[in-house]
Amino acid sequence: MPAKKKYKDFESALARLEEITELMESEEAALEQSIDLYTEGLEIAKFCNTKLTEAEKKIKLIAEKAGVTVEEDFETEQPESEA
């Protein structure tokens, strides 16, 4: 199993996650390689989730310091259904 790679930032981790997705979707990876890629992808997803949570906390803190008391949940855009 490959050594765990530490990512410096969210963007480089996300880029690697996209590479992993492409490799797995191409169906060219052998079973063992696919398992390793899947495991790495899970680790990267956890890293990215942590970074996003930290960013959300910072944004809330900045808003509080600016005197903004309204707190709204982040909403993700959902694609419109095609007919």
PDB file of N, CA and C in Angstrom:
ATOM      1  N   MET A   1       0.846  -1.178   0.000  1.00  0.00           N
ATOM      2  CA  MET A   1       0.000   0.000   0.000  1.00  0.00           C
ATOM      3  C   MET A   1       0.889   1.238   0.000  1.00  0.00           C
ATOM      4  N   PRO A   2       0.579   2.243  -0.820  1.00  0.00           N
ATOM      5  CA  PRO A   2       1.415   3.431  -0.896  1.00  0.00           C
ATOM      6  C   PRO A   2       1.381   4.235   0.400  1.00  0.00           C
ATOM      7  N   ALA A   3       2.471   4.970   0.621  1.00  0.00           N
ATOM      8  CA  ALA A   3       2.557   5.810   1.812  1.00  0.00           C
ATOM      9  C   ALA A   3       1.550   6.946   1.707  1.00  0.00           C
ATOM     10  N   LYS A   4       1.046   7.364   2.858  1.00  0.00           N
ATOM     11  CA  LYS A   4       0.083   8.460   2.879  1.00  0.00           C
ATOM     12  C   LYS A   4       0.785   9.759   2.498  1.00  0.00           C
ATOM     13  N   LYS A   5       0.173  10.500   1.606  1.00  0.00           N
ATOM     14  CA  LYS A   5       0.725  11.780   1.176  1.00  0.00           C
ATOM     15  C   LYS A   5      -0.032  12.879   1.893  1.00  0.00           C
ATOM     16  N   LYS A   6       0.703  13.825   2.423  1.00  0.00           N
ATOM     17  CA  LYS A   6       0.074  14.967   3.085  1.00  0.00           C
ATOM     18  C   LYS A   6      -0.048  16.090   2.064  1.00  0.00           C
ATOM     19  N   TYR A   7      -1.220  16.641   1.964  1.00  0.00           N
ATOM     20  CA  TYR A   7      -1.469  17.723   1.023  1.00  0.00           C
ATOM     21  C   TYR A   7      -1.313  19.052   1.724  1.00  0.00           C
ATOM     22  N   LYS A   8      -0.706  19.991   1.032  1.00  0.00           N
ATOM     23  CA  LYS A   8      -0.467  21.312   1.606  1.00  0.00           C
ATOM     24  C   LYS A   8      -1.734  22.147   1.638  1.00  0.00           C
ATOM     25  N   ASP A   9      -2.564  21.979   0.625  1.00  0.00           N
ATOM     26  CA  ASP A   9      -3.746  22.831   0.545  1.00  0.00           C
ATOM     27  C   ASP A   9      -4.918  22.084  -0.079  1.00  0.00           C
ATOM     28  N   PHE A  10      -6.067  22.695   0.053  1.00  0.00           N
ATOM     29  CA  PHE A  10      -7.310  22.121  -0.436  1.00  0.00           C
ATOM     30  C   PHE A  10      -7.272  21.902  -1.943  1.00  0.00           C
ATOM     31  N   GLU A  11      -6.738  22.872  -2.672  1.00  0.00           N
ATOM     32  CA  GLU A  11      -6.751  22.812  -4.129  1.00  0.00           C
ATOM     33  C   GLU A  11      -5.939  21.644  -4.673  1.00  0.00           C
ATOM     34  N   SER A  12      -4.748  21.393  -4.102  1.00  0.00           N
ATOM     35  CA  SER A  12      -3.938  20.273  -4.583  1.00  0.00           C
ATOM     36  C   SER A  12      -4.582  18.936  -4.227  1.00  0.00           C
ATOM     37  N   ALA A  13      -5.218  18.874  -3.067  1.00  0.00           N
ATOM     38  CA  ALA A  13      -5.917  17.650  -2.665  1.00  0.00           C
ATOM     39  C   ALA A  13      -7.103  17.385  -3.590  1.00  0.00           C
ATOM     40  N   LEU A  14      -7.834  18.424  -3.913  1.00  0.00           N
ATOM     41  CA  LEU A  14      -8.991  18.280  -4.796  1.00  0.00           C
ATOM     42  C   LEU A  14      -8.555  17.860  -6.202  1.00  0.00           C
ATOM     43  N   ALA A  15      -7.447  18.414  -6.669  1.00  0.00           N
ATOM     44  CA  ALA A  15      -6.933  18.033  -7.988  1.00  0.00           C
ATOM     45  C   ALA A  15      -6.572  16.544  -8.016  1.00  0.00           C
ATOM     46  N   ARG A  16      -5.949  16.059  -6.947  1.00  0.00           N
ATOM     47  CA  ARG A  16      -5.598  14.633  -6.877  1.00  0.00           C
ATOM     48  C   ARG A  16      -6.862  13.779  -6.803  1.00  0.00           C
ATOM     49  N   LEU A  17      -7.847  14.226  -6.084  1.00  0.00           N
ATOM     50  CA  LEU A  17      -9.104  13.488  -5.987  1.00  0.00           C
ATOM     51  C   LEU A  17      -9.760  13.373  -7.363  1.00  0.00           C
ATOM     52  N   GLU A  18      -9.675  14.425  -8.159  1.00  0.00           N
ATOM     53  CA  GLU A  18     -10.216  14.386  -9.522  1.00  0.00           C
ATOM     54  C   GLU A  18      -9.437  13.395 -10.388  1.00  0.00           C
ATOM     55  N   GLU A  19      -8.101  13.349 -10.205  1.00  0.00           N
ATOM     56  CA  GLU A  19      -7.278  12.383 -10.944  1.00  0.00           C
ATOM     57  C   GLU A  19      -7.692  10.953 -10.591  1.00  0.00           C
ATOM     58  N   ILE A  20      -7.872  10.714  -9.302  1.00  0.00           N
ATOM     59  CA  ILE A  20      -8.267   9.386  -8.845  1.00  0.00           C
ATOM     60  C   ILE A  20      -9.610   8.991  -9.446  1.00  0.00           C
ATOM     61  N   THR A  21     -10.544   9.931  -9.470  1.00  0.00           N
ATOM     62  CA  THR A  21     -11.865   9.667 -10.039  1.00  0.00           C
ATOM     63  C   THR A  21     -11.748   9.274 -11.506  1.00  0.00           C
ATOM     64  N   GLU A  22     -10.946  10.013 -12.246  1.00  0.00           N
ATOM     65  CA  GLU A  22     -10.760   9.718 -13.674  1.00  0.00           C
ATOM     66  C   GLU A  22     -10.141   8.341 -13.873  1.00  0.00           C
ATOM     67  N   LEU A  23      -9.130   8.008 -13.062  1.00  0.00           N
ATOM     68  CA  LEU A  23      -8.487   6.708 -13.175  1.00  0.00           C
ATOM     69  C   LEU A  23      -9.464   5.571 -12.889  1.00  0.00           C
ATOM     70  N   MET A  24     -10.270   5.741 -11.866  1.00  0.00           N
ATOM     71  CA  MET A  24     -11.211   4.678 -11.514  1.00  0.00           C
ATOM     72  C   MET A  24     -12.340   4.563 -12.532  1.00  0.00           C
ATOM     73  N   GLU A  25     -12.761   5.687 -13.086  1.00  0.00           N
ATOM     74  CA  GLU A  25     -13.820   5.651 -14.093  1.00  0.00           C
ATOM     75  C   GLU A  25     -13.341   5.073 -15.416  1.00  0.00           C
ATOM     76  N   SER A  26     -12.041   5.160 -15.680  1.00  0.00           N
ATOM     77  CA  SER A  26     -11.495   4.655 -16.936  1.00  0.00           C
ATOM     78  C   SER A  26     -11.494   3.134 -16.980  1.00  0.00           C
ATOM     79  N   GLU A  27     -11.619   2.492 -15.829  1.00  0.00           N
ATOM     80  CA  GLU A  27     -11.647   1.044 -15.705  1.00  0.00           C
ATOM     81  C   GLU A  27     -10.354   0.389 -16.187  1.00  0.00           C
ATOM     82  N   GLU A  28      -9.270   1.148 -16.267  1.00  0.00           N
ATOM     83  CA  GLU A  28      -7.993   0.601 -16.692  1.00  0.00           C
ATOM     84  C   GLU A  28      -7.152   0.131 -15.511  1.00  0.00           C
ATOM     85  N   ALA A  29      -7.528   0.515 -14.302  1.00  0.00           N
ATOM     86  CA  ALA A  29      -6.755   0.146 -13.129  1.00  0.00           C
ATOM     87  C   ALA A  29      -7.067  -1.293 -12.731  1.00  0.00           C
ATOM     88  N   ALA A  30      -6.027  -2.004 -12.314  1.00  0.00           N
ATOM     89  CA  ALA A  30      -6.205  -3.365 -11.807  1.00  0.00           C
ATOM     90  C   ALA A  30      -6.930  -3.308 -10.466  1.00  0.00           C
ATOM     91  N   LEU A  31      -7.407  -4.440 -10.015  1.00  0.00           N
ATOM     92  CA  LEU A  31      -8.179  -4.492  -8.779  1.00  0.00           C
ATOM     93  C   LEU A  31      -7.408  -3.924  -7.597  1.00  0.00           C
ATOM     94  N   GLU A  32      -6.179  -4.365  -7.391  1.00  0.00           N
ATOM     95  CA  GLU A  32      -5.383  -3.883  -6.253  1.00  0.00           C
ATOM     96  C   GLU A  32      -5.129  -2.377  -6.357  1.00  0.00           C
ATOM     97  N   GLN A  33      -4.854  -1.905  -7.551  1.00  0.00           N
ATOM     98  CA  GLN A  33      -4.631  -0.474  -7.749  1.00  0.00           C
ATOM     99  C   GLN A  33      -5.919   0.298  -7.471  1.00  0.00           C
ATOM    100  N   SER A  34      -7.048  -0.242  -7.878  1.00  0.00           N
ATOM    101  CA  SER A  34      -8.330   0.408  -7.623  1.00  0.00           C
ATOM    102  C   SER A  34      -8.592   0.518  -6.126  1.00  0.00           C
ATOM    103  N   ILE A  35      -8.256  -0.527  -5.385  1.00  0.00           N
ATOM    104  CA  ILE A  35      -8.437  -0.494  -3.936  1.00  0.00           C
ATOM    105  C   ILE A  35      -7.551   0.570  -3.317  1.00  0.00           C
ATOM    106  N   ASP A  36      -6.296   0.638  -3.760  1.00  0.00           N
ATOM    107  CA  ASP A  36      -5.376   1.667  -3.257  1.00  0.00           C
ATOM    108  C   ASP A  36      -5.875   3.065  -3.597  1.00  0.00           C
ATOM    109  N   LEU A  37      -6.359   3.241  -4.817  1.00  0.00           N
ATOM    110  CA  LEU A  37      -6.889   4.540  -5.229  1.00  0.00           C
ATOM    111  C   LEU A  37      -8.113   4.918  -4.410  1.00  0.00           C
ATOM    112  N   TYR A  38      -8.980   3.949  -4.167  1.00  0.00           N
ATOM    113  CA  TYR A  38     -10.183   4.190  -3.373  1.00  0.00           C
ATOM    114  C   TYR A  38      -9.806   4.615  -1.955  1.00  0.00           C
ATOM    115  N   THR A  39      -8.843   3.912  -1.372  1.00  0.00           N
ATOM    116  CA  THR A  39      -8.384   4.240  -0.020  1.00  0.00           C
ATOM    117  C   THR A  39      -7.786   5.645   0.020  1.00  0.00           C
ATOM    118  N   GLU A  40      -6.961   5.960  -0.961  1.00  0.00           N
ATOM    119  CA  GLU A  40      -6.373   7.298  -1.026  1.00  0.00           C
ATOM    120  C   GLU A  40      -7.465   8.351  -1.196  1.00  0.00           C
ATOM    121  N   GLY A  41      -8.450   8.048  -2.018  1.00  0.00           N
ATOM    122  CA  GLY A  41      -9.548   8.980  -2.232  1.00  0.00           C
ATOM    123  C   GLY A  41     -10.319   9.268  -0.955  1.00  0.00           C
ATOM    124  N   LEU A  42     -10.547   8.241  -0.152  1.00  0.00           N
ATOM    125  CA  LEU A  42     -11.231   8.437   1.125  1.00  0.00           C
ATOM    126  C   LEU A  42     -10.425   9.338   2.057  1.00  0.00           C
ATOM    127  N   GLU A  43      -9.107   9.132   2.088  1.00  0.00           N
ATOM    128  CA  GLU A  43      -8.242   9.967   2.930  1.00  0.00           C
ATOM    129  C   GLU A  43      -8.265  11.421   2.466  1.00  0.00           C
ATOM    130  N   ILE A  44      -8.233  11.614   1.151  1.00  0.00           N
ATOM    131  CA  ILE A  44      -8.263  12.969   0.605  1.00  0.00           C
ATOM    132  C   ILE A  44      -9.616  13.625   0.883  1.00  0.00           C
ATOM    133  N   ALA A  45     -10.697  12.867   0.737  1.00  0.00           N
ATOM    134  CA  ALA A  45     -12.027  13.415   1.000  1.00  0.00           C
ATOM    135  C   ALA A  45     -12.132  13.859   2.459  1.00  0.00           C
ATOM    136  N   LYS A  46     -11.576  13.098   3.369  1.00  0.00           N
ATOM    137  CA  LYS A  46     -11.584  13.464   4.785  1.00  0.00           C
ATOM    138  C   LYS A  46     -10.791  14.752   4.998  1.00  0.00           C
ATOM    139  N   PHE A  47      -9.622  14.851   4.357  1.00  0.00           N
ATOM    140  CA  PHE A  47      -8.799  16.052   4.450  1.00  0.00           C
ATOM    141  C   PHE A  47      -9.576  17.264   3.932  1.00  0.00           C
ATOM    142  N   CYS A  48     -10.216  17.116   2.764  1.00  0.00           N
ATOM    143  CA  CYS A  48     -10.968  18.217   2.163  1.00  0.00           C
ATOM    144  C   CYS A  48     -12.146  18.623   3.051  1.00  0.00           C
ATOM    145  N   ASN A  49     -12.833  17.655   3.618  1.00  0.00           N
ATOM    146  CA  ASN A  49     -13.952  17.949   4.507  1.00  0.00           C
ATOM    147  C   ASN A  49     -13.482  18.738   5.725  1.00  0.00           C
ATOM    148  N   THR A  50     -12.344  18.356   6.270  1.00  0.00           N
ATOM    149  CA  THR A  50     -11.782  19.081   7.415  1.00  0.00           C
ATOM    150  C   THR A  50     -11.461  20.513   7.034  1.00  0.00           C
ATOM    151  N   LYS A  51     -10.840  20.702   5.877  1.00  0.00           N
ATOM    152  CA  LYS A  51     -10.499  22.054   5.415  1.00  0.00           C
ATOM    153  C   LYS A  51     -11.754  22.900   5.216  1.00  0.00           C
ATOM    154  N   LEU A  52     -12.799  22.317   4.647  1.00  0.00           N
ATOM    155  CA  LEU A  52     -14.034  23.066   4.427  1.00  0.00           C
ATOM    156  C   LEU A  52     -14.693  23.442   5.752  1.00  0.00           C
ATOM    157  N   THR A  53     -14.657  22.545   6.715  1.00  0.00           N
ATOM    158  CA  THR A  53     -15.213  22.827   8.039  1.00  0.00           C
ATOM    159  C   THR A  53     -14.449  23.963   8.705  1.00  0.00           C
ATOM    160  N   GLU A  54     -13.122  23.928   8.591  1.00  0.00           N
ATOM    161  CA  GLU A  54     -12.297  25.003   9.153  1.00  0.00           C
ATOM    162  C   GLU A  54     -12.612  26.339   8.485  1.00  0.00           C
ATOM    163  N   ALA A  55     -12.785  26.327   7.177  1.00  0.00           N
ATOM    164  CA  ALA A  55     -13.102  27.556   6.448  1.00  0.00           C
ATOM    165  C   ALA A  55     -14.458  28.109   6.885  1.00  0.00           C
ATOM    166  N   GLU A  56     -15.427  27.226   7.066  1.00  0.00           N
ATOM    167  CA  GLU A  56     -16.752  27.659   7.508  1.00  0.00           C
ATOM    168  C   GLU A  56     -16.663  28.327   8.883  1.00  0.00           C
ATOM    169  N   LYS A  57     -15.883  27.762   9.783  1.00  0.00           N
ATOM    170  CA  LYS A  57     -15.714  28.338  11.118  1.00  0.00           C
ATOM    171  C   LYS A  57     -15.064  29.715  11.032  1.00  0.00           C
ATOM    172  N   LYS A  58     -14.067  29.859  10.163  1.00  0.00           N
ATOM    173  CA  LYS A  58     -13.402  31.155  10.000  1.00  0.00           C
ATOM    174  C   LYS A  58     -14.366  32.201   9.460  1.00  0.00           C
ATOM    175  N   ILE A  59     -15.183  31.805   8.503  1.00  0.00           N
ATOM    176  CA  ILE A  59     -16.155  32.740   7.926  1.00  0.00           C
ATOM    177  C   ILE A  59     -17.142  33.200   8.989  1.00  0.00           C
ATOM    178  N   LYS A  60     -17.618  32.271   9.816  1.00  0.00           N
ATOM    179  CA  LYS A  60     -18.544  32.636  10.892  1.00  0.00           C
ATOM    180  C   LYS A  60     -17.871  33.583  11.877  1.00  0.00           C
ATOM    181  N   LEU A  61     -16.605  33.333  12.196  1.00  0.00           N
ATOM    182  CA  LEU A  61     -15.874  34.191  13.129  1.00  0.00           C
ATOM    183  C   LEU A  61     -15.697  35.591  12.551  1.00  0.00           C
ATOM    184  N   ILE A  62     -15.345  35.663  11.293  1.00  0.00           N
ATOM    185  CA  ILE A  62     -15.179  36.971  10.630  1.00  0.00           C
ATOM    186  C   ILE A  62     -16.504  37.721  10.627  1.00  0.00           C
ATOM    187  N   ALA A  63     -17.586  37.017  10.342  1.00  0.00           N
ATOM    188  CA  ALA A  63     -18.906  37.655  10.328  1.00  0.00           C
ATOM    189  C   ALA A  63     -19.265  38.173  11.706  1.00  0.00           C
ATOM    190  N   GLU A  64     -18.962  37.404  12.740  1.00  0.00           N
ATOM    191  CA  GLU A  64     -19.254  37.841  14.099  1.00  0.00           C
ATOM    192  C   GLU A  64     -18.445  39.084  14.461  1.00  0.00           C
ATOM    193  N   LYS A  65     -17.188  39.128  14.075  1.00  0.00           N
ATOM    194  CA  LYS A  65     -16.335  40.278  14.370  1.00  0.00           C
ATOM    195  C   LYS A  65     -16.791  41.516  13.616  1.00  0.00           C
ATOM    196  N   ALA A  66     -17.399  41.309  12.452  1.00  0.00           N
ATOM    197  CA  ALA A  66     -17.874  42.430  11.646  1.00  0.00           C
ATOM    198  C   ALA A  66     -19.236  42.917  12.122  1.00  0.00           C
ATOM    199  N   GLY A  67     -19.772  42.273  13.137  1.00  0.00           N
ATOM    200  CA  GLY A  67     -21.057  42.688  13.667  1.00  0.00           C
ATOM    201  C   GLY A  67     -22.246  42.091  12.956  1.00  0.00           C
ATOM    202  N   VAL A  68     -21.989  41.152  12.096  1.00  0.00           N
ATOM    203  CA  VAL A  68     -23.072  40.495  11.387  1.00  0.00           C
ATOM    204  C   VAL A  68     -23.577  39.362  12.267  1.00  0.00           C
ATOM    205  N   THR A  69     -24.849  39.403  12.601  1.00  0.00           N
ATOM    206  CA  THR A  69     -25.386  38.390  13.501  1.00  0.00           C
ATOM    207  C   THR A  69     -26.266  37.369  12.791  1.00  0.00           C
ATOM    208  N   VAL A  70     -26.501  37.571  11.517  1.00  0.00           N
ATOM    209  CA  VAL A  70     -27.331  36.635  10.775  1.00  0.00           C
ATOM    210  C   VAL A  70     -26.472  35.443  10.365  1.00  0.00           C
ATOM    211  N   GLU A  71     -26.970  34.269  10.676  1.00  0.00           N
ATOM    212  CA  GLU A  71     -26.247  33.061  10.303  1.00  0.00           C
ATOM    213  C   GLU A  71     -27.134  32.224   9.405  1.00  0.00           C
ATOM    214  N   GLU A  72     -26.600  31.904   8.218  1.00  0.00           N
ATOM    215  CA  GLU A  72     -27.348  31.090   7.271  1.00  0.00           C
ATOM    216  C   GLU A  72     -26.517  29.866   6.934  1.00  0.00           C
ATOM    217  N   ASP A  73     -27.181  28.752   6.737  1.00  0.00           N
ATOM    218  CA  ASP A  73     -26.489  27.545   6.332  1.00  0.00           C
ATOM    219  C   ASP A  73     -26.034  27.692   4.896  1.00  0.00           C
ATOM    220  N   PHE A  74     -24.893  27.072   4.590  1.00  0.00           N
ATOM    221  CA  PHE A  74     -24.435  27.034   3.216  1.00  0.00           C
ATOM    222  C   PHE A  74     -25.338  26.087   2.451  1.00  0.00           C
ATOM    223  N   GLU A  75     -25.709  26.485   1.263  1.00  0.00           N
ATOM    224  CA  GLU A  75     -26.549  25.631   0.439  1.00  0.00           C
ATOM    225  C   GLU A  75     -25.766  25.229  -0.792  1.00  0.00           C
ATOM    226  N   THR A  76     -25.907  23.990  -1.173  1.00  0.00           N
ATOM    227  CA  THR A  76     -25.259  23.539  -2.392  1.00  0.00           C
ATOM    228  C   THR A  76     -26.255  23.652  -3.523  1.00  0.00           C
ATOM    229  N   GLU A  77     -25.729  24.006  -4.670  1.00  0.00           N
ATOM    230  CA  GLU A  77     -26.594  24.116  -5.836  1.00  0.00           C
ATOM    231  C   GLU A  77     -26.945  22.722  -6.305  1.00  0.00           C
ATOM    232  N   GLN A  78     -28.204  22.512  -6.596  1.00  0.00           N
ATOM    233  CA  GLN A  78     -28.646  21.232  -7.126  1.00  0.00           C
ATOM    234  C   GLN A  78     -29.016  21.434  -8.578  1.00  0.00           C
ATOM    235  N   PRO A  79     -28.543  20.537  -9.429  1.00  0.00           N
ATOM    236  CA  PRO A  79     -28.861  20.696 -10.854  1.00  0.00           C
ATOM    237  C   PRO A  79     -30.343  20.577 -11.094  1.00  0.00           C
ATOM    238  N   GLU A  80     -30.805  21.391 -12.041  1.00  0.00           N
ATOM    239  CA  GLU A  80     -32.210  21.346 -12.389  1.00  0.00           C
ATOM    240  C   GLU A  80     -32.496  20.043 -13.119  1.00  0.00           C
ATOM    241  N   SER A  81     -33.617  19.440 -12.834  1.00  0.00           N
ATOM    242  CA  SER A  81     -33.946  18.172 -13.497  1.00  0.00           C
ATOM    243  C   SER A  81     -34.272  18.434 -14.959  1.00  0.00           C
ATOM    244  N   GLU A  82     -33.798  17.510 -15.782  1.00  0.00           N
ATOM    245  CA  GLU A  82     -34.039  17.647 -17.209  1.00  0.00           C
ATOM    246  C   GLU A  82     -35.272  16.856 -17.578  1.00  0.00           C
ATOM    247  N   ALA A  83     -36.073  17.410 -18.444  1.00  0.00           N
ATOM    248  CA  ALA A  83     -37.319  16.733 -18.850  1.00  0.00           C
ATOM    249  C   ALA A  83     -37.079  15.841 -20.027  1.00  0.00           C
TER     250      ALA A  83
END
